[in-house]
N, C-alpha and C. Protein backbone atom coordinates (compact mmCIF):
# COMPACT_ATOMS: atom_id res chain seq x y z
N UNK A 1 1.34 17.62 1.15
CA UNK A 1 0.84 16.72 0.12
C UNK A 1 1.93 16.44 -0.90
N UNK A 2 2.00 15.22 -1.44
CA UNK A 2 3.00 14.89 -2.45
C UNK A 2 2.73 15.65 -3.74
N UNK A 3 3.79 15.88 -4.51
CA UNK A 3 3.65 16.61 -5.76
C UNK A 3 3.12 15.69 -6.86
N UNK A 4 2.59 16.31 -7.92
CA UNK A 4 2.12 15.54 -9.06
C UNK A 4 3.27 14.76 -9.69
N UNK A 5 4.48 15.34 -9.63
CA UNK A 5 5.64 14.66 -10.20
C UNK A 5 5.90 13.34 -9.49
N UNK A 6 5.81 13.34 -8.17
CA UNK A 6 6.03 12.10 -7.42
C UNK A 6 4.93 11.08 -7.72
N UNK A 7 3.70 11.54 -7.83
CA UNK A 7 2.61 10.64 -8.15
C UNK A 7 2.83 10.00 -9.52
N UNK A 8 3.29 10.80 -10.48
CA UNK A 8 3.55 10.26 -11.81
C UNK A 8 4.70 9.26 -11.78
N UNK A 9 5.69 9.52 -10.96
CA UNK A 9 6.82 8.59 -10.86
C UNK A 9 6.39 7.26 -10.27
N UNK A 10 5.43 7.29 -9.34
CA UNK A 10 4.92 6.03 -8.80
C UNK A 10 4.20 5.23 -9.88
N UNK A 11 3.55 5.90 -10.81
CA UNK A 11 2.83 5.19 -11.88
C UNK A 11 3.79 4.39 -12.77
N UNK A 12 5.07 4.76 -12.78
CA UNK A 12 6.03 4.07 -13.63
C UNK A 12 6.69 2.88 -12.93
N UNK A 13 6.41 2.72 -11.64
CA UNK A 13 6.99 1.60 -10.88
C UNK A 13 5.86 0.82 -10.22
N UNK A 14 6.18 0.04 -9.20
CA UNK A 14 5.16 -0.69 -8.45
C UNK A 14 5.71 -1.00 -7.07
N UNK A 15 4.87 -1.57 -6.22
CA UNK A 15 5.31 -1.83 -4.85
C UNK A 15 6.37 -2.92 -4.79
N UNK A 16 6.40 -3.82 -5.77
CA UNK A 16 7.45 -4.85 -5.76
C UNK A 16 8.82 -4.20 -5.98
N UNK A 17 8.89 -3.26 -6.91
CA UNK A 17 10.16 -2.58 -7.17
C UNK A 17 10.59 -1.76 -5.96
N UNK A 18 9.62 -1.15 -5.29
CA UNK A 18 9.93 -0.37 -4.08
C UNK A 18 10.52 -1.29 -3.01
N UNK A 19 9.91 -2.45 -2.82
CA UNK A 19 10.42 -3.39 -1.81
C UNK A 19 11.77 -3.96 -2.21
N UNK A 20 12.00 -4.16 -3.51
CA UNK A 20 13.31 -4.62 -3.96
C UNK A 20 14.38 -3.55 -3.71
N UNK A 21 13.98 -2.30 -3.83
CA UNK A 21 14.93 -1.20 -3.61
C UNK A 21 15.24 -1.01 -2.14
N UNK A 22 14.31 -1.39 -1.26
CA UNK A 22 14.51 -1.25 0.18
C UNK A 22 13.78 -2.37 0.91
N UNK A 23 14.54 -3.36 1.35
CA UNK A 23 13.95 -4.52 2.02
C UNK A 23 13.35 -4.19 3.38
N UNK A 24 13.61 -2.98 3.90
CA UNK A 24 13.05 -2.59 5.19
C UNK A 24 11.70 -1.87 5.05
N UNK A 25 11.20 -1.76 3.82
CA UNK A 25 9.92 -1.09 3.59
C UNK A 25 8.82 -1.73 4.43
N UNK A 26 8.01 -0.88 5.05
CA UNK A 26 6.87 -1.38 5.82
C UNK A 26 5.77 -1.88 4.86
N UNK A 27 5.39 -3.15 5.01
CA UNK A 27 4.39 -3.76 4.15
C UNK A 27 3.24 -4.26 5.02
N UNK A 28 2.03 -3.84 4.70
CA UNK A 28 0.87 -4.30 5.47
C UNK A 28 0.61 -5.77 5.21
N UNK A 29 0.05 -6.42 6.21
CA UNK A 29 -0.37 -7.82 6.12
C UNK A 29 -1.16 -8.04 4.83
N UNK A 30 -0.80 -9.10 4.11
CA UNK A 30 -1.45 -9.37 2.82
C UNK A 30 -2.92 -9.76 2.98
N UNK A 31 -3.37 -10.02 4.22
CA UNK A 31 -4.80 -10.30 4.43
C UNK A 31 -5.65 -9.05 4.20
N UNK A 32 -5.03 -7.88 4.23
CA UNK A 32 -5.74 -6.64 3.92
C UNK A 32 -5.71 -6.48 2.41
N UNK A 33 -6.83 -6.75 1.77
CA UNK A 33 -6.89 -6.87 0.31
C UNK A 33 -7.82 -5.84 -0.31
N UNK A 34 -7.58 -5.57 -1.58
CA UNK A 34 -8.43 -4.64 -2.32
C UNK A 34 -9.83 -5.22 -2.47
N UNK A 35 -10.83 -4.39 -2.22
CA UNK A 35 -12.23 -4.79 -2.38
C UNK A 35 -12.88 -4.01 -3.52
N UNK A 36 -12.14 -3.09 -4.10
CA UNK A 36 -12.68 -2.18 -5.11
C UNK A 36 -12.09 -2.46 -6.48
N UNK A 37 -12.69 -1.83 -7.50
CA UNK A 37 -12.14 -1.95 -8.85
C UNK A 37 -10.79 -1.25 -8.93
N UNK A 38 -10.68 -0.10 -8.29
CA UNK A 38 -9.41 0.63 -8.25
C UNK A 38 -8.55 0.08 -7.13
N UNK A 39 -7.26 -0.10 -7.40
CA UNK A 39 -6.35 -0.63 -6.38
C UNK A 39 -5.16 0.28 -6.11
N UNK A 40 -4.90 1.22 -7.00
CA UNK A 40 -3.68 2.01 -6.86
C UNK A 40 -3.91 3.20 -5.93
N UNK A 41 -3.08 3.27 -4.90
CA UNK A 41 -3.19 4.31 -3.87
C UNK A 41 -1.88 5.07 -3.79
N UNK A 42 -1.96 6.39 -3.67
CA UNK A 42 -0.77 7.21 -3.49
C UNK A 42 -1.20 8.48 -2.75
N UNK A 43 -0.91 8.53 -1.46
CA UNK A 43 -1.29 9.71 -0.70
C UNK A 43 -0.88 9.59 0.75
N UNK A 44 -0.90 10.70 1.48
CA UNK A 44 -0.53 10.70 2.90
C UNK A 44 -1.64 10.10 3.76
N UNK A 45 -1.23 9.45 4.83
CA UNK A 45 -2.17 8.78 5.72
C UNK A 45 -2.90 9.77 6.62
N UNK A 46 -4.21 9.58 6.73
CA UNK A 46 -5.02 10.21 7.78
C UNK A 46 -5.46 9.05 8.66
N UNK A 47 -4.92 8.98 9.87
CA UNK A 47 -5.07 7.77 10.68
C UNK A 47 -6.27 7.83 11.62
N UNK A 48 -6.81 6.63 11.88
CA UNK A 48 -7.95 6.45 12.79
C UNK A 48 -7.72 5.20 13.62
N UNK A 49 -8.03 5.28 14.91
CA UNK A 49 -8.07 4.08 15.74
C UNK A 49 -9.46 3.95 16.34
N UNK A 50 -10.08 2.77 16.15
CA UNK A 50 -11.40 2.53 16.73
C UNK A 50 -11.59 1.03 16.90
N UNK A 51 -12.57 0.68 17.72
CA UNK A 51 -12.85 -0.73 17.99
C UNK A 51 -14.37 -0.95 17.93
N UNK A 52 -14.79 -1.72 16.93
CA UNK A 52 -16.20 -2.13 16.80
C UNK A 52 -17.16 -0.95 16.71
N UNK A 53 -16.66 0.20 16.30
CA UNK A 53 -17.48 1.41 16.22
C UNK A 53 -16.91 2.26 15.10
N UNK A 54 -17.76 2.68 14.15
CA UNK A 54 -17.25 3.36 12.96
C UNK A 54 -17.41 4.87 12.97
N UNK A 55 -17.80 5.44 14.11
CA UNK A 55 -17.96 6.89 14.17
C UNK A 55 -16.64 7.61 13.87
N UNK A 56 -15.54 7.06 14.38
CA UNK A 56 -14.23 7.67 14.12
C UNK A 56 -13.90 7.69 12.63
N UNK A 57 -14.29 6.64 11.91
CA UNK A 57 -14.02 6.59 10.47
C UNK A 57 -14.83 7.66 9.75
N UNK A 58 -16.09 7.81 10.15
CA UNK A 58 -16.93 8.85 9.57
C UNK A 58 -16.34 10.23 9.83
N UNK A 59 -15.89 10.47 11.03
CA UNK A 59 -15.26 11.75 11.37
C UNK A 59 -14.04 11.99 10.51
N UNK A 60 -13.25 10.93 10.29
CA UNK A 60 -12.03 11.06 9.49
C UNK A 60 -12.35 11.42 8.04
N UNK A 61 -13.35 10.77 7.47
CA UNK A 61 -13.73 11.05 6.08
C UNK A 61 -14.11 12.51 5.92
N UNK A 62 -14.78 13.05 6.91
CA UNK A 62 -15.21 14.45 6.83
C UNK A 62 -14.10 15.44 7.19
N UNK A 63 -13.07 14.98 7.89
CA UNK A 63 -12.00 15.87 8.32
C UNK A 63 -10.78 15.86 7.41
N UNK A 64 -10.56 14.76 6.70
CA UNK A 64 -9.36 14.61 5.88
C UNK A 64 -9.38 15.56 4.69
N UNK A 65 -8.20 15.88 4.21
CA UNK A 65 -8.05 16.75 3.05
C UNK A 65 -8.06 15.94 1.76
N UNK A 66 -8.40 16.55 0.64
CA UNK A 66 -8.37 15.84 -0.64
C UNK A 66 -7.00 15.18 -0.87
N UNK A 67 -7.04 13.95 -1.33
CA UNK A 67 -5.81 13.21 -1.59
C UNK A 67 -5.34 12.36 -0.43
N UNK A 68 -5.80 12.67 0.78
CA UNK A 68 -5.37 11.87 1.93
C UNK A 68 -6.05 10.51 1.92
N UNK A 69 -5.37 9.54 2.53
CA UNK A 69 -5.85 8.15 2.57
C UNK A 69 -6.26 7.82 4.00
N UNK A 70 -7.50 7.41 4.19
CA UNK A 70 -7.97 7.03 5.52
C UNK A 70 -7.40 5.65 5.84
N UNK A 71 -6.62 5.57 6.92
CA UNK A 71 -6.00 4.31 7.35
C UNK A 71 -6.54 4.00 8.75
N UNK A 72 -7.23 2.87 8.88
CA UNK A 72 -7.98 2.57 10.09
C UNK A 72 -7.37 1.38 10.84
N UNK A 73 -7.02 1.63 12.08
CA UNK A 73 -6.64 0.56 13.01
C UNK A 73 -7.92 0.10 13.69
N UNK A 74 -8.51 -0.96 13.13
CA UNK A 74 -9.74 -1.50 13.70
C UNK A 74 -9.51 -2.72 14.56
N UNK A 75 -8.24 -2.95 14.91
CA UNK A 75 -7.92 -4.08 15.77
C UNK A 75 -8.08 -5.43 15.10
N UNK A 76 -8.11 -5.44 13.76
CA UNK A 76 -8.25 -6.69 13.00
C UNK A 76 -9.50 -7.47 13.40
N UNK A 77 -10.55 -6.75 13.78
CA UNK A 77 -11.79 -7.40 14.21
C UNK A 77 -12.76 -7.54 13.04
N UNK A 78 -13.59 -8.56 13.11
CA UNK A 78 -14.49 -8.86 12.02
C UNK A 78 -15.82 -8.10 12.17
N UNK A 79 -15.68 -6.77 12.22
CA UNK A 79 -16.82 -5.85 12.29
C UNK A 79 -16.63 -4.81 11.19
N UNK A 80 -17.67 -4.54 10.42
CA UNK A 80 -17.56 -3.56 9.34
C UNK A 80 -17.43 -2.15 9.90
N UNK A 81 -16.39 -1.47 9.46
CA UNK A 81 -16.15 -0.08 9.87
C UNK A 81 -16.36 0.88 8.71
N UNK A 82 -16.97 0.39 7.64
CA UNK A 82 -17.28 1.23 6.49
C UNK A 82 -18.10 0.44 5.50
N UNK A 83 -18.64 1.15 4.52
CA UNK A 83 -19.45 0.51 3.49
C UNK A 83 -19.65 1.46 2.33
N UNK A 84 -20.72 1.24 1.58
CA UNK A 84 -20.98 2.03 0.37
C UNK A 84 -21.04 3.53 0.65
N UNK A 85 -21.75 3.93 1.68
CA UNK A 85 -21.92 5.36 1.94
C UNK A 85 -20.59 6.03 2.27
N UNK A 86 -19.73 5.33 3.00
CA UNK A 86 -18.42 5.90 3.33
C UNK A 86 -17.57 6.03 2.07
N UNK A 87 -17.62 5.03 1.20
CA UNK A 87 -16.86 5.11 -0.04
C UNK A 87 -17.36 6.26 -0.90
N UNK A 88 -18.67 6.38 -1.02
CA UNK A 88 -19.24 7.48 -1.80
C UNK A 88 -18.88 8.83 -1.18
N UNK A 89 -18.94 8.90 0.15
CA UNK A 89 -18.59 10.14 0.83
C UNK A 89 -17.14 10.51 0.64
N UNK A 90 -16.25 9.52 0.62
CA UNK A 90 -14.83 9.77 0.39
C UNK A 90 -14.58 10.27 -1.03
N UNK A 91 -15.34 9.74 -1.98
CA UNK A 91 -15.21 10.21 -3.36
C UNK A 91 -15.62 11.68 -3.46
N UNK A 92 -16.73 12.04 -2.82
CA UNK A 92 -17.18 13.42 -2.83
C UNK A 92 -16.11 14.34 -2.24
N UNK A 93 -15.42 13.86 -1.22
CA UNK A 93 -14.39 14.67 -0.55
C UNK A 93 -13.06 14.65 -1.29
N UNK A 94 -12.95 13.85 -2.35
CA UNK A 94 -11.70 13.79 -3.11
C UNK A 94 -10.58 13.06 -2.41
N UNK A 95 -10.91 12.10 -1.54
CA UNK A 95 -9.88 11.38 -0.79
C UNK A 95 -9.20 10.35 -1.67
N UNK A 96 -8.04 9.87 -1.17
CA UNK A 96 -7.22 8.97 -1.98
C UNK A 96 -7.50 7.50 -1.76
N UNK A 97 -8.30 7.14 -0.77
CA UNK A 97 -8.60 5.74 -0.53
C UNK A 97 -8.97 5.50 0.92
N UNK A 98 -9.44 4.27 1.18
CA UNK A 98 -9.77 3.83 2.54
C UNK A 98 -9.14 2.47 2.76
N UNK A 99 -8.39 2.35 3.84
CA UNK A 99 -7.74 1.09 4.20
C UNK A 99 -8.13 0.75 5.63
N UNK A 100 -8.75 -0.40 5.82
CA UNK A 100 -9.30 -0.77 7.13
C UNK A 100 -8.73 -2.10 7.60
N UNK A 101 -8.09 -2.08 8.76
CA UNK A 101 -7.69 -3.35 9.39
C UNK A 101 -8.88 -3.80 10.23
N UNK A 102 -9.85 -4.33 9.53
CA UNK A 102 -11.12 -4.74 10.10
C UNK A 102 -12.03 -5.09 8.94
N UNK A 103 -13.34 -4.90 9.13
CA UNK A 103 -14.29 -5.29 8.10
C UNK A 103 -14.78 -4.15 7.25
N UNK A 104 -15.28 -4.52 6.06
CA UNK A 104 -15.94 -3.57 5.17
C UNK A 104 -17.14 -4.30 4.58
N UNK A 105 -18.14 -3.53 4.16
CA UNK A 105 -19.34 -4.18 3.64
C UNK A 105 -19.86 -3.44 2.40
N UNK A 106 -21.04 -3.87 1.93
CA UNK A 106 -21.64 -3.31 0.71
C UNK A 106 -20.76 -3.55 -0.50
N UNK A 107 -20.26 -4.77 -0.61
CA UNK A 107 -19.31 -5.10 -1.67
C UNK A 107 -19.97 -5.06 -3.04
N UNK A 108 -21.29 -5.20 -3.12
CA UNK A 108 -21.97 -5.06 -4.39
C UNK A 108 -21.65 -3.74 -5.07
N UNK A 109 -21.56 -2.67 -4.27
CA UNK A 109 -21.14 -1.37 -4.79
C UNK A 109 -19.63 -1.24 -4.80
N UNK A 110 -19.00 -1.60 -3.71
CA UNK A 110 -17.57 -1.34 -3.54
C UNK A 110 -16.73 -2.08 -4.59
N UNK A 111 -17.17 -3.26 -5.02
CA UNK A 111 -16.38 -4.04 -5.98
C UNK A 111 -16.20 -3.31 -7.31
N UNK A 112 -17.08 -2.37 -7.61
CA UNK A 112 -16.93 -1.58 -8.83
C UNK A 112 -16.58 -0.13 -8.56
N UNK A 113 -16.23 0.16 -7.34
CA UNK A 113 -16.01 1.54 -6.90
C UNK A 113 -14.71 2.11 -7.47
N UNK A 114 -14.72 3.38 -7.92
CA UNK A 114 -13.50 4.00 -8.41
C UNK A 114 -12.55 4.44 -7.31
N UNK A 115 -13.01 4.42 -6.06
CA UNK A 115 -12.14 4.75 -4.93
C UNK A 115 -11.47 3.47 -4.44
N UNK A 116 -10.15 3.46 -4.27
CA UNK A 116 -9.50 2.27 -3.71
C UNK A 116 -9.96 2.01 -2.28
N UNK A 117 -10.47 0.81 -2.04
CA UNK A 117 -10.92 0.40 -0.70
C UNK A 117 -10.26 -0.93 -0.39
N UNK A 118 -9.57 -1.00 0.74
CA UNK A 118 -8.93 -2.23 1.21
C UNK A 118 -9.48 -2.58 2.58
N UNK A 119 -9.61 -3.88 2.86
CA UNK A 119 -10.02 -4.31 4.20
C UNK A 119 -9.50 -5.71 4.47
N UNK A 120 -9.49 -6.06 5.75
CA UNK A 120 -9.08 -7.41 6.13
C UNK A 120 -10.24 -8.40 5.94
N UNK A 121 -11.45 -7.95 6.21
CA UNK A 121 -12.63 -8.82 6.12
C UNK A 121 -13.73 -8.17 5.29
N UNK A 122 -14.60 -9.01 4.77
CA UNK A 122 -15.90 -8.59 4.26
C UNK A 122 -16.94 -9.16 5.20
N UNK A 123 -17.81 -8.30 5.72
CA UNK A 123 -18.82 -8.76 6.67
C UNK A 123 -20.03 -7.83 6.62
N UNK A 124 -21.24 -8.35 6.78
CA UNK A 124 -22.42 -7.48 6.77
C UNK A 124 -22.66 -6.76 8.09
N UNK A 125 -21.99 -7.21 9.15
CA UNK A 125 -22.27 -6.67 10.49
C UNK A 125 -21.48 -5.40 10.75
N UNK A 126 -22.17 -4.28 10.89
CA UNK A 126 -21.53 -3.00 11.13
C UNK A 126 -21.35 -2.75 12.62
N UNK A 127 -20.41 -1.87 12.93
CA UNK A 127 -20.17 -1.49 14.30
C UNK A 127 -21.19 -0.47 14.79
N UNK A 128 -20.96 0.01 15.99
CA UNK A 128 -21.84 1.01 16.60
C UNK A 128 -21.37 2.41 16.20
N UNK A 129 -22.07 3.43 16.73
CA UNK A 129 -21.70 4.82 16.44
C UNK A 129 -21.73 5.66 17.70
N UNK A 130 -21.17 5.12 18.78
CA UNK A 130 -21.23 5.81 20.07
C UNK A 130 -19.85 6.15 20.64
N UNK A 131 -18.78 5.77 19.92
CA UNK A 131 -17.42 6.04 20.41
C UNK A 131 -16.71 6.94 19.42
N UNK A 132 -16.08 7.98 19.93
CA UNK A 132 -15.47 8.98 19.06
C UNK A 132 -14.31 8.43 18.24
N UNK A 133 -13.60 7.45 18.76
CA UNK A 133 -12.39 6.99 18.11
C UNK A 133 -11.29 8.02 18.28
N UNK A 134 -10.09 7.70 17.76
CA UNK A 134 -8.95 8.61 17.85
C UNK A 134 -8.45 8.90 16.45
N UNK A 135 -8.24 10.19 16.17
CA UNK A 135 -7.81 10.62 14.85
C UNK A 135 -6.39 11.19 14.88
N UNK A 136 -5.69 10.95 13.79
CA UNK A 136 -4.37 11.53 13.55
C UNK A 136 -3.38 11.26 14.68
N UNK A 137 -3.29 9.97 15.02
CA UNK A 137 -2.30 9.49 16.00
C UNK A 137 -1.56 8.32 15.36
N UNK A 138 -0.37 7.96 15.88
CA UNK A 138 0.29 6.75 15.37
C UNK A 138 -0.58 5.53 15.66
N UNK A 139 -0.74 4.68 14.67
CA UNK A 139 -1.58 3.48 14.81
C UNK A 139 -0.81 2.27 14.31
N UNK A 140 -1.41 1.11 14.51
CA UNK A 140 -0.90 -0.11 13.90
C UNK A 140 -1.96 -0.64 12.95
N UNK A 141 -1.60 -0.79 11.70
CA UNK A 141 -2.53 -1.29 10.69
C UNK A 141 -1.81 -2.37 9.89
N UNK A 142 -2.41 -3.54 9.83
CA UNK A 142 -1.77 -4.63 9.11
C UNK A 142 -0.43 -5.03 9.66
N UNK A 143 -0.26 -4.83 10.96
CA UNK A 143 0.97 -5.25 11.61
C UNK A 143 2.12 -4.26 11.56
N UNK A 144 1.92 -3.08 10.95
CA UNK A 144 3.00 -2.10 10.89
C UNK A 144 2.51 -0.77 11.46
N UNK A 145 3.45 0.03 11.92
CA UNK A 145 3.13 1.35 12.46
C UNK A 145 2.88 2.31 11.30
N UNK A 146 1.79 3.06 11.40
CA UNK A 146 1.48 4.10 10.43
C UNK A 146 1.27 5.40 11.19
N UNK A 147 2.00 6.44 10.80
CA UNK A 147 1.88 7.74 11.45
C UNK A 147 1.14 8.70 10.53
N UNK A 148 0.47 9.69 11.10
CA UNK A 148 -0.19 10.70 10.24
C UNK A 148 0.82 11.31 9.27
N UNK A 149 0.46 11.35 8.01
CA UNK A 149 1.34 11.93 7.01
C UNK A 149 2.28 10.95 6.35
N UNK A 150 2.43 9.74 6.90
CA UNK A 150 3.21 8.72 6.20
C UNK A 150 2.60 8.49 4.82
N UNK A 151 3.46 8.23 3.85
CA UNK A 151 2.94 8.01 2.50
C UNK A 151 2.46 6.57 2.35
N UNK A 152 1.25 6.43 1.83
CA UNK A 152 0.65 5.13 1.57
C UNK A 152 0.66 4.89 0.07
N UNK A 153 1.32 3.81 -0.34
CA UNK A 153 1.37 3.42 -1.74
C UNK A 153 0.83 2.00 -1.85
N UNK A 154 -0.07 1.77 -2.79
CA UNK A 154 -0.66 0.45 -2.95
C UNK A 154 -0.94 0.17 -4.41
N UNK A 155 -0.95 -1.11 -4.74
CA UNK A 155 -1.34 -1.56 -6.07
C UNK A 155 -1.81 -3.00 -5.94
N UNK A 156 -1.86 -3.72 -7.05
CA UNK A 156 -2.36 -5.10 -7.00
C UNK A 156 -1.49 -6.02 -6.16
N UNK A 157 -0.25 -5.63 -5.87
CA UNK A 157 0.66 -6.47 -5.09
C UNK A 157 0.46 -6.32 -3.59
N UNK A 158 0.05 -5.13 -3.16
CA UNK A 158 -0.11 -4.91 -1.72
C UNK A 158 0.03 -3.45 -1.36
N UNK A 159 0.20 -3.19 -0.07
CA UNK A 159 0.23 -1.83 0.48
C UNK A 159 1.55 -1.62 1.22
N UNK A 160 2.23 -0.50 0.92
CA UNK A 160 3.47 -0.17 1.61
C UNK A 160 3.34 1.21 2.25
N UNK A 161 4.13 1.43 3.29
CA UNK A 161 4.14 2.68 4.03
C UNK A 161 5.56 3.24 3.99
N UNK A 162 5.68 4.52 3.63
CA UNK A 162 6.99 5.12 3.42
C UNK A 162 7.07 6.46 4.15
N UNK A 163 8.21 6.71 4.81
CA UNK A 163 8.45 8.02 5.40
C UNK A 163 8.45 9.07 4.29
N UNK A 164 7.74 10.17 4.46
CA UNK A 164 7.65 11.17 3.38
C UNK A 164 8.99 11.65 2.87
N UNK A 165 9.98 11.84 3.78
CA UNK A 165 11.27 12.37 3.33
C UNK A 165 12.10 11.34 2.57
N UNK A 166 11.67 10.09 2.56
CA UNK A 166 12.39 9.05 1.83
C UNK A 166 11.71 8.70 0.51
N UNK A 167 10.57 9.34 0.24
CA UNK A 167 9.78 8.94 -0.92
C UNK A 167 10.50 9.17 -2.23
N UNK A 168 11.01 10.37 -2.46
CA UNK A 168 11.64 10.69 -3.75
C UNK A 168 12.83 9.78 -4.05
N UNK A 169 13.81 9.65 -3.14
CA UNK A 169 14.93 8.76 -3.46
C UNK A 169 14.52 7.30 -3.62
N UNK A 170 13.50 6.87 -2.89
CA UNK A 170 13.06 5.49 -3.01
C UNK A 170 12.39 5.25 -4.36
N UNK A 171 11.63 6.21 -4.84
CA UNK A 171 11.03 6.09 -6.16
C UNK A 171 12.11 6.05 -7.24
N UNK A 172 13.18 6.84 -7.06
CA UNK A 172 14.30 6.79 -8.00
C UNK A 172 14.93 5.40 -8.01
N UNK A 173 15.14 4.85 -6.81
CA UNK A 173 15.75 3.52 -6.71
C UNK A 173 14.83 2.46 -7.32
N UNK A 174 13.53 2.60 -7.11
CA UNK A 174 12.58 1.65 -7.69
C UNK A 174 12.59 1.74 -9.21
N UNK A 175 12.73 2.95 -9.75
CA UNK A 175 12.82 3.11 -11.20
C UNK A 175 14.05 2.42 -11.76
N UNK A 176 15.16 2.46 -11.02
CA UNK A 176 16.37 1.76 -11.45
C UNK A 176 16.15 0.25 -11.45
N UNK A 177 15.42 -0.24 -10.45
CA UNK A 177 15.10 -1.67 -10.40
C UNK A 177 14.29 -2.07 -11.63
N UNK A 178 13.27 -1.28 -11.95
CA UNK A 178 12.43 -1.58 -13.11
C UNK A 178 13.24 -1.55 -14.41
N UNK A 179 14.17 -0.62 -14.50
CA UNK A 179 15.00 -0.53 -15.71
C UNK A 179 15.88 -1.77 -15.84
N UNK A 180 16.45 -2.21 -14.74
CA UNK A 180 17.28 -3.42 -14.77
C UNK A 180 16.44 -4.65 -15.14
N UNK A 181 15.24 -4.73 -14.56
CA UNK A 181 14.35 -5.85 -14.88
C UNK A 181 13.97 -5.84 -16.36
N UNK A 182 13.77 -4.64 -16.90
CA UNK A 182 13.40 -4.53 -18.31
C UNK A 182 14.51 -5.07 -19.21
N UNK A 183 15.75 -4.79 -18.84
CA UNK A 183 16.88 -5.31 -19.63
C UNK A 183 16.92 -6.83 -19.57
N UNK A 184 16.64 -7.39 -18.39
CA UNK A 184 16.61 -8.86 -18.26
C UNK A 184 15.48 -9.44 -19.10
N UNK A 185 14.33 -8.81 -19.08
CA UNK A 185 13.19 -9.30 -19.87
C UNK A 185 13.54 -9.30 -21.36
N UNK A 186 14.23 -8.25 -21.80
CA UNK A 186 14.65 -8.21 -23.21
C UNK A 186 15.54 -9.40 -23.54
N UNK A 187 16.44 -9.74 -22.61
CA UNK A 187 17.34 -10.87 -22.84
C UNK A 187 16.57 -12.19 -22.85
N UNK A 188 15.62 -12.34 -21.94
CA UNK A 188 14.81 -13.56 -21.90
C UNK A 188 13.97 -13.68 -23.17
N UNK A 189 13.46 -12.56 -23.65
CA UNK A 189 12.68 -12.57 -24.89
C UNK A 189 13.56 -12.96 -26.08
N UNK A 190 14.87 -12.73 -25.93
CA UNK A 190 15.81 -13.12 -26.98
C UNK A 190 16.36 -14.53 -26.74
N UNK A 191 15.67 -15.28 -25.87
CA UNK A 191 16.01 -16.69 -25.58
C UNK A 191 17.29 -16.88 -24.79
N UNK A 192 17.74 -15.83 -24.09
CA UNK A 192 18.84 -16.00 -23.15
C UNK A 192 18.29 -16.60 -21.85
N UNK A 193 19.10 -17.33 -21.13
CA UNK A 193 18.67 -17.93 -19.87
C UNK A 193 18.82 -16.94 -18.72
N UNK A 194 18.18 -17.25 -17.60
CA UNK A 194 18.34 -16.41 -16.42
C UNK A 194 19.80 -16.38 -15.96
N UNK A 195 20.48 -17.51 -16.09
CA UNK A 195 21.89 -17.56 -15.69
C UNK A 195 22.73 -16.59 -16.50
N UNK A 196 22.36 -16.41 -17.77
CA UNK A 196 23.11 -15.48 -18.62
C UNK A 196 22.78 -14.03 -18.29
N UNK A 197 21.62 -13.81 -17.71
CA UNK A 197 21.20 -12.45 -17.38
C UNK A 197 21.60 -12.04 -15.97
N UNK A 198 21.99 -13.01 -15.15
CA UNK A 198 22.36 -12.75 -13.76
C UNK A 198 23.77 -13.25 -13.49
N UNK A 199 24.36 -12.77 -12.42
CA UNK A 199 25.68 -13.27 -12.00
C UNK A 199 25.52 -14.53 -11.14
N UNK A 200 24.64 -15.41 -11.56
CA UNK A 200 24.23 -16.54 -10.72
C UNK A 200 25.40 -17.43 -10.33
N UNK A 201 26.18 -17.86 -11.29
CA UNK A 201 27.28 -18.80 -10.99
C UNK A 201 28.29 -18.17 -10.04
N UNK A 202 28.69 -16.92 -10.32
CA UNK A 202 29.67 -16.25 -9.45
C UNK A 202 29.10 -16.05 -8.05
N UNK A 203 27.82 -15.74 -7.98
CA UNK A 203 27.17 -15.52 -6.69
C UNK A 203 27.14 -16.81 -5.86
N UNK A 204 26.76 -17.90 -6.50
CA UNK A 204 26.72 -19.20 -5.80
C UNK A 204 28.11 -19.60 -5.35
N UNK A 205 29.10 -19.43 -6.22
CA UNK A 205 30.47 -19.79 -5.86
C UNK A 205 30.95 -19.00 -4.65
N UNK A 206 30.66 -17.71 -4.63
CA UNK A 206 31.08 -16.87 -3.51
C UNK A 206 30.42 -17.31 -2.22
N UNK A 207 29.13 -17.61 -2.25
CA UNK A 207 28.43 -18.06 -1.05
C UNK A 207 28.96 -19.40 -0.57
N UNK A 208 29.31 -20.27 -1.49
CA UNK A 208 29.87 -21.56 -1.10
C UNK A 208 31.22 -21.41 -0.42
N UNK A 209 31.92 -20.32 -0.75
CA UNK A 209 33.21 -20.04 -0.10
C UNK A 209 33.00 -19.19 1.16
N UNK A 210 31.74 -18.99 1.54
CA UNK A 210 31.40 -18.16 2.70
C UNK A 210 31.88 -16.72 2.54
N UNK A 211 31.87 -16.25 1.31
CA UNK A 211 32.24 -14.88 1.02
C UNK A 211 30.99 -14.04 0.76
N UNK A 212 31.03 -12.77 1.11
CA UNK A 212 29.85 -11.92 0.85
C UNK A 212 29.62 -11.76 -0.65
N UNK A 213 28.39 -11.76 -1.04
CA UNK A 213 28.05 -11.61 -2.46
C UNK A 213 26.62 -11.12 -2.59
N UNK A 214 26.34 -10.52 -3.71
CA UNK A 214 24.98 -10.03 -4.02
C UNK A 214 24.59 -10.50 -5.40
N UNK A 215 23.39 -11.07 -5.49
CA UNK A 215 22.87 -11.46 -6.79
C UNK A 215 22.47 -10.20 -7.55
N UNK A 216 23.03 -10.03 -8.75
CA UNK A 216 22.79 -8.81 -9.51
C UNK A 216 22.48 -9.13 -10.97
N UNK A 217 21.90 -8.16 -11.63
CA UNK A 217 21.65 -8.28 -13.08
C UNK A 217 22.93 -7.95 -13.83
N UNK A 218 23.20 -8.68 -14.90
CA UNK A 218 24.32 -8.34 -15.77
C UNK A 218 23.89 -7.18 -16.68
N UNK A 219 24.84 -6.32 -17.00
CA UNK A 219 24.56 -5.20 -17.88
C UNK A 219 24.44 -5.66 -19.33
C-alpha cells in the first residue's frame, strides 16, 4: 500500500502535471467519467474482468483490502456492473474507489456519493450473477493495461495508471511542473505575456532551422 506521505504529495499536484512530467503515462479513455461527488482517487488497483455479469465485481469488493481501487474490465459494454449497493459496500470496506469500463447505475445516490465512482456508461440494466469473473489478473480498462497493484490516480481531469516503483519520482517531477507553472502564473498576473514567460521565440526559431528544441518556462 502507498504511504500517507505519497498520498499527501498527490494532493499537491494533479493528473495534468503527472502527464506533463511523463508523456508515456497510461491514461484511461476520457469516456470513463466520474459519476460521484468525489473524484480524487489514489490507491493500488484490485482488478476484475467480467462480461455482462457483476458477480466478479461483488467478489472483488468483498476481497479487496482497505484503500484498494476496484478496476473493472467490463469490455466497454453498456451493462451496469455496479450500483448504489456496491458503492455503499465499498465504503463499508474502506476501499479507494470503483472504476468500471462498462455501465453503472443508481446515479441518484452515486452522484452524491463520497466514494469515487467512474464508469463509461450510465444505464439501468444490470448484468447477471452467474459468472465468477476473474480477479487480480492483468486487464484492459479504458484502452490501457492495468495490473494488480498498479497505482490508480484520478481527479477531475481523468484517470492515470502508474507503476508503483515509479510513483515517488513521478510525483516529485509533477511537483516541479506545478512550481514552474506557478511562477508563470505570477508573471501573467503581473501582466507579462506568455512569450515573456516562455522561450517561445527561441523555440520556434530552432524548429524552423530543423534543430532540436524544447519549449520551457523562463526562470
